Amino acid sequence: MQEQNVAPIEFANVTAAQRTNRVLRNTYLLLAISMIPTVVGAWFGVASGLSQTMLASPMISLVVFLVGSFGFMYAIQRNNESGLGVGLLLGFTFFMGVMLSRLIGIVLGMKTGATLIGMSFAGTALIFFGMATLATAIKRDLSGLGKFLFIGAMITFFAMLVMVFFPVPALMLALLVMMLVIFSLYMMYDINQVVRGGETNYITATMQIYLDVYNVFSALLSILGITNRE
């Protein structure tokens, strides 16, 4: 009788593990694919001169970024059980690439701009693999860390908005370092949620991890741009 009781439990555990592995695999695959429209969007923004237009109209750019990004995220969440959700996610990553072109255009205007972009990409990749390794190795519940990170992200977000109106270089650099740390840890947290089975939708998981990667890259590139400015 004991063997009959144990077997279904073991089968359920195996099934749950397989489901989690499938979500994680699909998340990593979609995340890799999402980098393509991001690069295309960034290239389009620079090549078309849109990045210069955004530089000339920072307030309009900020409004477009906020409305566009939150609009896409809402639509993705509403359609995360269908193929439309994947299409919206790829559209979102293209949009984010276009928004990133403003920063990339500034850095490319520097003497070592291409090198700084390469360093930021390499640094982001190293952070991602490091956080992914930690997320897989940690078995404990990180819900408490998630709440802390959310508060930190909100503080950083609103402080960055203030910097748009009252730029203070030293404070901006401190906020960028804070942003780098928060979203590196967020990366570990979000991947850990998938590994532990807390997040079971690969479209939502991809969007969350993509935002972590995007913010880490943006923070790294901004820090390198500021510290290497002539």
Protein backbone atom coordinates (compact mmCIF):
# COMPACT_ATOMS: atom_id res chain seq x y z
CA MET A 1 0.00 0.00 0.00
CA GLN A 2 2.85 2.37 0.81
CA GLU A 3 4.40 1.84 -2.61
CA GLN A 4 1.07 2.61 -4.28
CA ASN A 5 0.79 5.88 -2.32
CA VAL A 6 4.36 6.98 -3.07
CA ALA A 7 4.23 6.35 -6.82
CA PRO A 8 1.63 9.04 -7.69
CA ILE A 9 3.53 11.58 -5.58
CA GLU A 10 6.78 10.80 -7.34
CA PHE A 11 5.03 10.99 -10.70
CA ALA A 12 3.55 14.38 -9.79
CA ASN A 13 6.98 15.66 -8.77
CA VAL A 14 8.52 14.50 -12.04
CA THR A 15 5.70 16.11 -14.02
CA ALA A 16 6.13 19.41 -12.14
CA ALA A 17 9.89 19.32 -12.73
CA GLN A 18 9.38 18.66 -16.43
CA ARG A 19 6.89 21.52 -16.66
CA THR A 20 9.32 23.89 -14.92
CA ASN A 21 12.17 22.85 -17.19
CA ARG A 22 9.97 23.44 -20.24
CA VAL A 23 9.03 26.94 -19.03
CA LEU A 24 12.69 27.75 -18.33
CA ARG A 25 13.81 26.41 -21.71
CA ASN A 26 11.10 28.37 -23.57
CA THR A 27 11.93 31.49 -21.57
CA TYR A 28 15.63 31.35 -22.46
CA LEU A 29 14.81 30.69 -26.12
CA LEU A 30 12.33 33.56 -26.38
CA LEU A 31 14.74 35.83 -24.48
CA ALA A 32 17.48 35.08 -27.02
CA ILE A 33 15.08 35.73 -29.91
CA SER A 34 13.93 39.00 -28.32
CA MET A 35 17.48 40.37 -28.60
CA ILE A 36 17.14 40.44 -32.41
CA PRO A 37 14.32 43.06 -32.61
CA THR A 38 16.09 45.01 -29.85
CA VAL A 39 19.27 45.29 -31.95
CA VAL A 40 17.22 46.06 -35.09
CA GLY A 41 15.29 48.75 -33.21
CA ALA A 42 18.48 50.33 -31.87
CA TRP A 43 20.05 50.29 -35.35
CA PHE A 44 16.91 51.79 -36.87
CA GLY A 45 16.84 54.56 -34.27
CA VAL A 46 20.45 55.55 -34.95
CA ALA A 47 20.38 55.08 -38.74
CA SER A 48 17.12 56.97 -39.24
CA GLY A 49 18.19 59.89 -37.08
CA LEU A 50 15.36 59.21 -34.65
CA SER A 51 17.88 59.07 -31.81
CA GLN A 52 18.85 62.68 -32.54
CA THR A 53 15.19 63.69 -32.60
CA MET A 54 14.71 62.12 -29.18
CA LEU A 55 17.78 63.97 -27.90
CA ALA A 56 16.32 67.25 -29.11
CA SER A 57 12.94 66.54 -27.44
CA PRO A 58 13.70 64.76 -24.14
CA MET A 59 10.30 65.43 -22.57
CA ILE A 60 8.38 64.08 -25.56
CA SER A 61 10.73 61.09 -25.64
CA LEU A 62 10.05 60.42 -21.97
CA VAL A 63 6.29 60.51 -22.48
CA VAL A 64 6.53 58.19 -25.51
CA PHE A 65 8.74 55.81 -23.56
CA LEU A 66 6.44 55.66 -20.54
CA VAL A 67 3.21 55.33 -22.53
CA GLY A 68 4.69 52.88 -25.01
CA SER A 69 6.48 50.62 -22.53
CA PHE A 70 3.64 50.39 -20.01
CA GLY A 71 1.12 49.98 -22.82
CA PHE A 72 3.08 47.07 -24.28
CA MET A 73 3.55 45.45 -20.88
CA TYR A 74 -0.15 45.64 -20.13
CA ALA A 75 -1.04 44.15 -23.52
CA ILE A 76 1.51 41.35 -23.11
CA GLN A 77 0.12 40.41 -19.71
CA ARG A 78 -3.40 40.34 -21.13
CA ASN A 79 -2.36 38.02 -23.95
CA ASN A 80 0.32 35.88 -22.30
CA GLU A 81 -1.53 32.65 -23.03
CA SER A 82 -1.60 33.07 -26.81
CA GLY A 83 0.65 33.54 -29.80
CA LEU A 84 -0.39 37.19 -29.84
CA GLY A 85 1.54 37.58 -26.58
CA VAL A 86 4.75 36.46 -28.32
CA GLY A 87 4.14 38.93 -31.16
CA LEU A 88 3.50 41.74 -28.70
CA LEU A 89 6.65 40.85 -26.78
CA LEU A 90 8.77 41.03 -29.93
CA GLY A 91 7.12 44.35 -30.82
CA PHE A 92 7.90 45.55 -27.31
CA THR A 93 11.57 44.62 -27.61
CA PHE A 94 11.79 46.46 -30.96
CA PHE A 95 10.25 49.53 -29.31
CA MET A 96 12.71 49.28 -26.42
CA GLY A 97 15.57 49.03 -28.92
CA VAL A 98 14.41 52.24 -30.58
CA MET A 99 14.27 53.93 -27.18
CA LEU A 100 17.78 52.64 -26.40
CA SER A 101 19.10 54.22 -29.62
CA ARG A 102 19.19 57.61 -27.90
CA LEU A 103 21.79 56.39 -25.41
CA ILE A 104 23.65 54.38 -28.04
CA GLY A 105 23.79 57.40 -30.33
CA ILE A 106 25.38 59.47 -27.56
CA VAL A 107 27.99 56.81 -26.79
CA LEU A 108 28.78 56.21 -30.46
CA GLY A 109 29.59 59.91 -30.71
CA MET A 110 32.48 59.33 -28.30
CA LYS A 111 35.95 58.35 -29.49
CA THR A 112 35.77 54.90 -27.85
CA GLY A 113 32.01 54.53 -28.23
CA ALA A 114 32.00 51.18 -30.06
CA THR A 115 34.38 49.73 -27.45
CA LEU A 116 32.18 50.93 -24.60
CA ILE A 117 29.11 49.31 -26.18
CA GLY A 118 31.04 46.05 -26.56
CA MET A 119 32.19 46.23 -22.93
CA SER A 120 28.61 46.86 -21.78
CA PHE A 121 27.36 43.89 -23.78
CA ALA A 122 30.08 41.62 -22.38
CA GLY A 123 29.47 42.86 -18.84
CA THR A 124 25.73 42.28 -19.17
CA ALA A 125 26.34 38.74 -20.46
CA LEU A 126 28.66 37.96 -17.53
CA ILE A 127 26.14 39.31 -15.02
CA PHE A 128 23.35 37.31 -16.66
CA PHE A 129 25.23 34.02 -16.55
CA GLY A 130 26.35 34.70 -12.98
CA MET A 131 22.84 35.53 -11.78
CA ALA A 132 21.35 32.58 -13.70
CA THR A 133 23.82 30.23 -12.01
CA LEU A 134 22.97 31.63 -8.58
CA ALA A 135 19.24 31.49 -9.31
CA THR A 136 19.51 27.80 -10.17
CA ALA A 137 21.68 26.98 -7.16
CA ILE A 138 19.55 28.82 -4.57
CA LYS A 139 16.66 26.66 -3.39
CA ARG A 140 15.16 28.99 -0.79
CA ASP A 141 12.13 31.23 -1.29
CA LEU A 142 13.22 34.72 -2.37
CA SER A 143 9.83 36.42 -1.97
CA GLY A 144 11.22 38.76 0.67
CA LEU A 145 13.99 39.84 -1.71
CA GLY A 146 11.40 40.55 -4.40
CA LYS A 147 9.57 43.05 -2.18
CA PHE A 148 12.83 44.79 -1.28
CA LEU A 149 13.89 44.99 -4.93
CA PHE A 150 10.53 46.37 -6.00
CA ILE A 151 10.79 49.21 -3.47
CA GLY A 152 14.37 49.91 -4.58
CA ALA A 153 13.36 49.92 -8.25
CA MET A 154 10.52 52.36 -7.60
CA ILE A 155 12.79 54.71 -5.66
CA THR A 156 15.37 54.59 -8.46
CA PHE A 157 12.70 55.10 -11.13
CA PHE A 158 11.24 58.23 -9.55
CA ALA A 159 14.69 59.59 -8.72
CA MET A 160 15.66 59.18 -12.38
CA LEU A 161 12.55 61.13 -13.40
CA VAL A 162 13.63 63.96 -11.10
CA MET A 163 17.08 63.90 -12.72
CA VAL A 164 15.42 64.70 -16.06
CA PHE A 165 14.40 68.09 -14.67
CA PHE A 166 17.28 68.67 -12.22
CA PRO A 167 20.38 66.84 -13.53
CA VAL A 168 23.14 66.33 -10.98
CA PRO A 169 26.00 64.26 -12.51
CA ALA A 170 27.32 62.80 -9.24
CA LEU A 171 23.83 61.80 -8.08
CA MET A 172 23.03 60.40 -11.53
CA LEU A 173 26.10 58.18 -11.37
CA ALA A 174 25.10 56.93 -7.90
CA LEU A 175 21.58 56.17 -9.15
CA LEU A 176 22.98 54.26 -12.13
CA VAL A 177 25.12 52.12 -9.84
CA MET A 178 22.05 51.50 -7.66
CA MET A 179 20.06 50.59 -10.79
CA LEU A 180 22.79 48.17 -11.88
CA VAL A 181 22.79 46.39 -8.53
CA ILE A 182 18.99 46.25 -8.21
CA PHE A 183 18.34 44.83 -11.66
CA SER A 184 21.23 42.37 -11.42
CA LEU A 185 19.58 40.99 -8.28
CA TYR A 186 16.17 41.20 -9.98
CA MET A 187 17.59 39.01 -12.72
CA MET A 188 18.51 36.37 -10.17
CA TYR A 189 15.12 36.70 -8.49
CA ASP A 190 13.08 36.39 -11.69
CA ILE A 191 15.04 33.38 -12.95
CA ASN A 192 14.74 31.78 -9.52
CA GLN A 193 10.96 32.22 -9.68
CA VAL A 194 10.91 30.17 -12.88
CA VAL A 195 13.29 27.55 -11.48
CA ARG A 196 11.16 27.13 -8.36
CA GLY A 197 7.92 26.99 -10.35
CA GLY A 198 6.63 30.31 -9.04
CA GLU A 199 6.32 31.68 -12.57
CA THR A 200 4.71 29.25 -14.99
CA ASN A 201 4.12 31.48 -18.02
CA TYR A 202 7.18 31.73 -20.25
CA ILE A 203 5.97 34.89 -22.02
CA THR A 204 5.61 36.78 -18.75
CA ALA A 205 8.89 35.33 -17.47
CA THR A 206 10.68 36.43 -20.65
CA MET A 207 9.32 39.96 -20.38
CA GLN A 208 10.45 40.25 -16.76
CA ILE A 209 13.95 38.91 -17.40
CA TYR A 210 14.27 40.96 -20.58
CA LEU A 211 13.58 44.14 -18.60
CA ASP A 212 16.26 43.11 -16.10
CA VAL A 213 18.79 42.56 -18.89
CA TYR A 214 17.76 45.81 -20.62
CA ASN A 215 18.18 47.87 -17.47
CA VAL A 216 21.51 46.27 -16.57
CA PHE A 217 22.86 46.99 -20.06
CA SER A 218 21.53 50.56 -20.00
CA ALA A 219 23.04 51.20 -16.57
CA LEU A 220 26.42 49.74 -17.56
CA LEU A 221 26.55 51.71 -20.81
CA SER A 222 25.54 54.93 -19.05
CA ILE A 223 28.16 54.45 -16.32
CA LEU A 224 30.89 53.74 -18.87
CA GLY A 225 29.76 56.69 -20.98
CA ILE A 226 29.86 59.08 -18.02
CA THR A 227 33.21 57.85 -16.66
CA ASN A 228 34.87 57.90 -20.10
CA ARG A 229 33.52 61.26 -21.19
CA GLU A 230 36.19 63.59 -22.53
